[in-house]
Amino acid sequence: MMRQKLSLLLLGVALFSGAVNLDAQVKTDYDHSANFGSYKTYSWLKVQSGDSLWDDRLRQDVDAQLTAKGWTKVDSNGDASVSAFRSTQDQKTLETFYDGFGGGWRWRGFGGGGIATTTTETTKVGNVVVDIFDSRTQKLLWRGTDSDDLSSNADKNIQKLSKDIRNMFKKFPPK
């Protein structure tokens, strides 16, 4: 009986904590009327991350993906213009754990005798936005966004960025 209660408690904590982000949240959107086949070259407008090392990493990862898709980077006057932004923020999550012995909500109201402990977890989250514009009309053609939990290990974050940018451009250019 005690083992069953403990199993249910652990299952509940796992299901409802929601604090673990196992996969990056990569999303894309595009102008459905655009003819992406007419774009062969691109130029950079701006890369902004607040850190020149990350500016270079972001630029290199996007360059690698666009080159793999057959686009050619030119210094200026490309068919398309690219901008990329990276930011980080602290995301706070409240987690409450119950001891499982009499506390918590019951069928007929709140039961007494249990102890609840609430802690605040702070997770560093990185966000990346890549925009591609038509250089002639300055109209947004395509946007990729990514949100992912960051590690305290810079090498892991570099690998995450590369993987997330690859996923962002997986279905680029749109058909």
C-alpha atoms as a PDB file:
ATOM      1  CA  MET A   1       0.000   0.000   0.000  1.00  0.00           C
ATOM      2  CA  MET A   2       2.783   2.412   0.970  1.00  0.00           C
ATOM      3  CA  ARG A   3       4.751   1.525  -2.179  1.00  0.00           C
ATOM      4  CA  GLN A   4       1.667   2.183  -4.316  1.00  0.00           C
ATOM      5  CA  LYS A   5       1.169   5.630  -2.747  1.00  0.00           C
ATOM      6  CA  LEU A   6       4.833   6.490  -3.287  1.00  0.00           C
ATOM      7  CA  SER A   7       4.627   5.335  -6.931  1.00  0.00           C
ATOM      8  CA  LEU A   8       1.539   7.461  -7.533  1.00  0.00           C
ATOM      9  CA  LEU A   9       3.187  10.458  -5.875  1.00  0.00           C
ATOM     10  CA  LEU A  10       6.293  10.136  -8.057  1.00  0.00           C
ATOM     11  CA  LEU A  11       4.182   9.699 -11.183  1.00  0.00           C
ATOM     12  CA  GLY A  12       2.179  12.809 -10.286  1.00  0.00           C
ATOM     13  CA  VAL A  13       5.330  14.843  -9.731  1.00  0.00           C
ATOM     14  CA  ALA A  14       6.728  13.669 -13.077  1.00  0.00           C
ATOM     15  CA  LEU A  15       3.515  14.482 -14.958  1.00  0.00           C
ATOM     16  CA  PHE A  16       2.711  17.833 -13.415  1.00  0.00           C
ATOM     17  CA  SER A  17       6.086  19.428 -12.763  1.00  0.00           C
ATOM     18  CA  GLY A  18       6.489  20.561 -16.366  1.00  0.00           C
ATOM     19  CA  ALA A  19       9.859  22.061 -15.526  1.00  0.00           C
ATOM     20  CA  VAL A  20      11.931  19.895 -17.851  1.00  0.00           C
ATOM     21  CA  ASN A  21      12.284  21.023 -21.444  1.00  0.00           C
ATOM     22  CA  LEU A  22      13.743  18.023 -23.249  1.00  0.00           C
ATOM     23  CA  ASP A  23      13.522  19.425 -26.785  1.00  0.00           C
ATOM     24  CA  ALA A  24      14.013  22.833 -28.234  1.00  0.00           C
ATOM     25  CA  GLN A  25      10.908  24.636 -29.389  1.00  0.00           C
ATOM     26  CA  VAL A  26      11.719  25.351 -33.038  1.00  0.00           C
ATOM     27  CA  LYS A  27       9.021  27.024 -35.145  1.00  0.00           C
ATOM     28  CA  THR A  28       8.972  28.466 -38.630  1.00  0.00           C
ATOM     29  CA  ASP A  29       6.556  30.552 -40.658  1.00  0.00           C
ATOM     30  CA  TYR A  30       6.757  32.023 -44.144  1.00  0.00           C
ATOM     31  CA  ASP A  31       5.007  34.068 -46.799  1.00  0.00           C
ATOM     32  CA  HIS A  32       2.974  31.444 -48.632  1.00  0.00           C
ATOM     33  CA  SER A  33       2.800  33.611 -51.755  1.00  0.00           C
ATOM     34  CA  ALA A  34       6.604  33.952 -52.078  1.00  0.00           C
ATOM     35  CA  ASN A  35       8.463  32.084 -54.821  1.00  0.00           C
ATOM     36  CA  PHE A  36      11.512  30.844 -52.908  1.00  0.00           C
ATOM     37  CA  GLY A  37      12.934  29.396 -56.142  1.00  0.00           C
ATOM     38  CA  SER A  38      13.685  32.938 -57.329  1.00  0.00           C
ATOM     39  CA  TYR A  39      16.111  33.587 -54.445  1.00  0.00           C
ATOM     40  CA  LYS A  40      19.678  32.443 -55.016  1.00  0.00           C
ATOM     41  CA  THR A  41      21.825  34.924 -53.069  1.00  0.00           C
ATOM     42  CA  TYR A  42      21.647  36.548 -49.652  1.00  0.00           C
ATOM     43  CA  SER A  43      23.364  39.263 -47.651  1.00  0.00           C
ATOM     44  CA  TRP A  44      23.455  39.824 -43.915  1.00  0.00           C
ATOM     45  CA  LEU A  45      21.582  42.782 -42.450  1.00  0.00           C
ATOM     46  CA  LYS A  46      22.414  42.283 -38.786  1.00  0.00           C
ATOM     47  CA  VAL A  47      23.378  39.689 -36.196  1.00  0.00           C
ATOM     48  CA  GLN A  48      22.784  40.625 -32.581  1.00  0.00           C
ATOM     49  CA  SER A  49      23.340  38.425 -29.550  1.00  0.00           C
ATOM     50  CA  GLY A  50      25.008  40.714 -27.042  1.00  0.00           C
ATOM     51  CA  ASP A  51      28.282  38.788 -27.440  1.00  0.00           C
ATOM     52  CA  SER A  52      30.562  38.878 -30.507  1.00  0.00           C
ATOM     53  CA  LEU A  53      31.487  35.191 -30.052  1.00  0.00           C
ATOM     54  CA  TRP A  54      27.827  34.201 -30.258  1.00  0.00           C
ATOM     55  CA  ASP A  55      27.289  36.615 -33.180  1.00  0.00           C
ATOM     56  CA  ASP A  56      29.932  34.681 -35.123  1.00  0.00           C
ATOM     57  CA  ARG A  57      28.527  31.273 -34.128  1.00  0.00           C
ATOM     58  CA  LEU A  58      25.006  32.255 -35.104  1.00  0.00           C
ATOM     59  CA  ARG A  59      26.164  33.704 -38.435  1.00  0.00           C
ATOM     60  CA  GLN A  60      28.241  30.574 -39.209  1.00  0.00           C
ATOM     61  CA  ASP A  61      25.385  28.187 -38.402  1.00  0.00           C
ATOM     62  CA  VAL A  62      22.892  30.088 -40.570  1.00  0.00           C
ATOM     63  CA  ASP A  63      25.475  30.411 -43.375  1.00  0.00           C
ATOM     64  CA  ALA A  64      26.055  26.650 -43.303  1.00  0.00           C
ATOM     65  CA  GLN A  65      22.325  25.935 -43.614  1.00  0.00           C
ATOM     66  CA  LEU A  66      21.680  28.440 -46.405  1.00  0.00           C
ATOM     67  CA  THR A  67      24.751  27.222 -48.321  1.00  0.00           C
ATOM     68  CA  ALA A  68      23.530  23.622 -47.963  1.00  0.00           C
ATOM     69  CA  LYS A  69      20.217  24.750 -49.496  1.00  0.00           C
ATOM     70  CA  GLY A  70      21.999  26.208 -52.543  1.00  0.00           C
ATOM     71  CA  TRP A  71      21.987  29.865 -51.557  1.00  0.00           C
ATOM     72  CA  THR A  72      25.149  31.936 -52.020  1.00  0.00           C
ATOM     73  CA  LYS A  73      26.282  34.622 -49.589  1.00  0.00           C
ATOM     74  CA  VAL A  74      27.274  37.944 -51.137  1.00  0.00           C
ATOM     75  CA  ASP A  75      28.618  40.992 -49.320  1.00  0.00           C
ATOM     76  CA  SER A  76      25.750  43.229 -50.427  1.00  0.00           C
ATOM     77  CA  ASN A  77      22.699  43.389 -52.694  1.00  0.00           C
ATOM     78  CA  GLY A  78      21.684  39.744 -52.314  1.00  0.00           C
ATOM     79  CA  ASP A  79      18.255  38.615 -53.478  1.00  0.00           C
ATOM     80  CA  ALA A  80      17.386  38.136 -49.804  1.00  0.00           C
ATOM     81  CA  SER A  81      18.557  39.798 -46.607  1.00  0.00           C
ATOM     82  CA  VAL A  82      19.086  37.892 -43.349  1.00  0.00           C
ATOM     83  CA  SER A  83      19.001  39.060 -39.757  1.00  0.00           C
ATOM     84  CA  ALA A  84      19.443  36.988 -36.606  1.00  0.00           C
ATOM     85  CA  PHE A  85      18.913  37.818 -32.946  1.00  0.00           C
ATOM     86  CA  ARG A  86      19.751  35.830 -29.824  1.00  0.00           C
ATOM     87  CA  SER A  87      18.698  36.640 -26.264  1.00  0.00           C
ATOM     88  CA  THR A  88      18.761  34.872 -22.920  1.00  0.00           C
ATOM     89  CA  GLN A  89      16.473  35.183 -19.928  1.00  0.00           C
ATOM     90  CA  ASP A  90      15.873  33.541 -16.573  1.00  0.00           C
ATOM     91  CA  GLN A  91      12.637  31.556 -16.386  1.00  0.00           C
ATOM     92  CA  LYS A  92      11.307  30.844 -12.913  1.00  0.00           C
ATOM     93  CA  THR A  93       9.190  27.784 -12.152  1.00  0.00           C
ATOM     94  CA  LEU A  94       7.464  26.983  -8.873  1.00  0.00           C
ATOM     95  CA  GLU A  95       7.485  23.341  -7.820  1.00  0.00           C
ATOM     96  CA  THR A  96       5.432  22.050  -4.894  1.00  0.00           C
ATOM     97  CA  PHE A  97       6.039  18.647  -3.353  1.00  0.00           C
ATOM     98  CA  TYR A  98       3.693  16.983  -0.871  1.00  0.00           C
ATOM     99  CA  ASP A  99       4.772  14.403   1.694  1.00  0.00           C
ATOM    100  CA  GLY A 100       1.793  12.237   0.733  1.00  0.00           C
ATOM    101  CA  PHE A 101       0.649  11.530   4.290  1.00  0.00           C
ATOM    102  CA  GLY A 102      -2.714  13.197   4.748  1.00  0.00           C
ATOM    103  CA  GLY A 103      -2.081  16.553   3.064  1.00  0.00           C
ATOM    104  CA  GLY A 104      -3.566  17.864  -0.125  1.00  0.00           C
ATOM    105  CA  TRP A 105      -7.008  18.110  -1.682  1.00  0.00           C
ATOM    106  CA  ARG A 106      -9.552  15.437  -0.926  1.00  0.00           C
ATOM    107  CA  TRP A 107     -13.052  14.662  -2.204  1.00  0.00           C
ATOM    108  CA  ARG A 108     -14.655  16.781   0.487  1.00  0.00           C
ATOM    109  CA  GLY A 109     -12.173  19.596   0.734  1.00  0.00           C
ATOM    110  CA  PHE A 110      -8.671  20.106   1.989  1.00  0.00           C
ATOM    111  CA  GLY A 111      -7.272  17.459   4.353  1.00  0.00           C
ATOM    112  CA  GLY A 112      -4.872  18.310   7.135  1.00  0.00           C
ATOM    113  CA  GLY A 113      -1.698  16.796   8.500  1.00  0.00           C
ATOM    114  CA  GLY A 114       0.495  16.839   5.380  1.00  0.00           C
ATOM    115  CA  ILE A 115       3.474  19.041   4.629  1.00  0.00           C
ATOM    116  CA  ALA A 116       3.959  20.858   1.350  1.00  0.00           C
ATOM    117  CA  THR A 117       7.266  22.359   0.256  1.00  0.00           C
ATOM    118  CA  THR A 118       7.453  24.863  -2.589  1.00  0.00           C
ATOM    119  CA  THR A 119      10.741  25.738  -4.244  1.00  0.00           C
ATOM    120  CA  THR A 120      11.627  28.136  -7.032  1.00  0.00           C
ATOM    121  CA  GLU A 121      13.700  26.744  -9.895  1.00  0.00           C
ATOM    122  CA  THR A 122      15.477  29.197 -12.186  1.00  0.00           C
ATOM    123  CA  THR A 123      16.353  28.029 -15.679  1.00  0.00           C
ATOM    124  CA  LYS A 124      18.318  30.043 -18.220  1.00  0.00           C
ATOM    125  CA  VAL A 125      16.484  30.021 -21.565  1.00  0.00           C
ATOM    126  CA  GLY A 126      17.978  31.044 -24.894  1.00  0.00           C
ATOM    127  CA  ASN A 127      15.873  32.446 -27.740  1.00  0.00           C
ATOM    128  CA  VAL A 128      16.935  32.802 -31.380  1.00  0.00           C
ATOM    129  CA  VAL A 129      15.045  34.506 -34.213  1.00  0.00           C
ATOM    130  CA  VAL A 130      16.214  34.327 -37.832  1.00  0.00           C
ATOM    131  CA  ASP A 131      14.414  36.513 -40.376  1.00  0.00           C
ATOM    132  CA  ILE A 132      14.808  36.428 -44.151  1.00  0.00           C
ATOM    133  CA  PHE A 133      13.545  39.421 -46.142  1.00  0.00           C
ATOM    134  CA  ASP A 134      13.114  40.121 -49.830  1.00  0.00           C
ATOM    135  CA  SER A 135      15.891  42.682 -50.378  1.00  0.00           C
ATOM    136  CA  ARG A 136      14.006  44.580 -53.065  1.00  0.00           C
ATOM    137  CA  THR A 137      10.620  44.928 -51.306  1.00  0.00           C
ATOM    138  CA  GLN A 138      11.913  44.582 -47.712  1.00  0.00           C
ATOM    139  CA  LYS A 139       9.005  42.209 -47.059  1.00  0.00           C
ATOM    140  CA  LEU A 140       9.479  39.391 -44.532  1.00  0.00           C
ATOM    141  CA  LEU A 141       9.687  36.068 -46.399  1.00  0.00           C
ATOM    142  CA  TRP A 142      10.529  33.570 -43.676  1.00  0.00           C
ATOM    143  CA  ARG A 143      10.993  33.486 -39.897  1.00  0.00           C
ATOM    144  CA  GLY A 144      12.496  30.777 -37.745  1.00  0.00           C
ATOM    145  CA  THR A 145      12.341  30.891 -33.945  1.00  0.00           C
ATOM    146  CA  ASP A 146      13.944  28.704 -31.338  1.00  0.00           C
ATOM    147  CA  SER A 147      13.626  28.573 -27.568  1.00  0.00           C
ATOM    148  CA  ASP A 148      15.759  26.151 -25.558  1.00  0.00           C
ATOM    149  CA  ASP A 149      16.995  25.648 -22.009  1.00  0.00           C
ATOM    150  CA  LEU A 150      20.668  26.526 -21.699  1.00  0.00           C
ATOM    151  CA  SER A 151      23.397  24.687 -19.870  1.00  0.00           C
ATOM    152  CA  SER A 152      26.108  26.215 -17.721  1.00  0.00           C
ATOM    153  CA  ASN A 153      28.528  24.506 -20.149  1.00  0.00           C
ATOM    154  CA  ALA A 154      29.305  26.762 -23.141  1.00  0.00           C
ATOM    155  CA  ASP A 155      30.320  23.828 -25.372  1.00  0.00           C
ATOM    156  CA  LYS A 156      26.917  22.189 -24.866  1.00  0.00           C
ATOM    157  CA  ASN A 157      25.185  25.464 -25.716  1.00  0.00           C
ATOM    158  CA  ILE A 158      27.245  25.772 -28.918  1.00  0.00           C
ATOM    159  CA  GLN A 159      26.180  22.249 -29.930  1.00  0.00           C
ATOM    160  CA  LYS A 160      22.534  23.024 -29.062  1.00  0.00           C
ATOM    161  CA  LEU A 161      22.614  26.163 -31.210  1.00  0.00           C
ATOM    162  CA  SER A 162      23.978  24.254 -34.219  1.00  0.00           C
ATOM    163  CA  LYS A 163      21.422  21.463 -33.818  1.00  0.00           C
ATOM    164  CA  ASP A 164      18.531  23.889 -33.344  1.00  0.00           C
ATOM    165  CA  ILE A 165      19.520  25.966 -36.415  1.00  0.00           C
ATOM    166  CA  ARG A 166      19.728  22.724 -38.467  1.00  0.00           C
ATOM    167  CA  ASN A 167      16.203  21.817 -37.286  1.00  0.00           C
ATOM    168  CA  MET A 168      15.004  25.335 -38.065  1.00  0.00           C
ATOM    169  CA  PHE A 169      16.143  25.030 -41.683  1.00  0.00           C
ATOM    170  CA  LYS A 170      15.122  21.381 -42.119  1.00  0.00           C
ATOM    171  CA  LYS A 171      12.158  22.289 -44.395  1.00  0.00           C
ATOM    172  CA  PHE A 172      13.736  25.369 -45.964  1.00  0.00           C
ATOM    173  CA  PRO A 173      13.009  26.643 -48.509  1.00  0.00           C
ATOM    174  CA  PRO A 174       9.297  26.012 -48.286  1.00  0.00           C
ATOM    175  CA  LYS A 175       7.783  24.256 -51.297  1.00  0.00           C
END
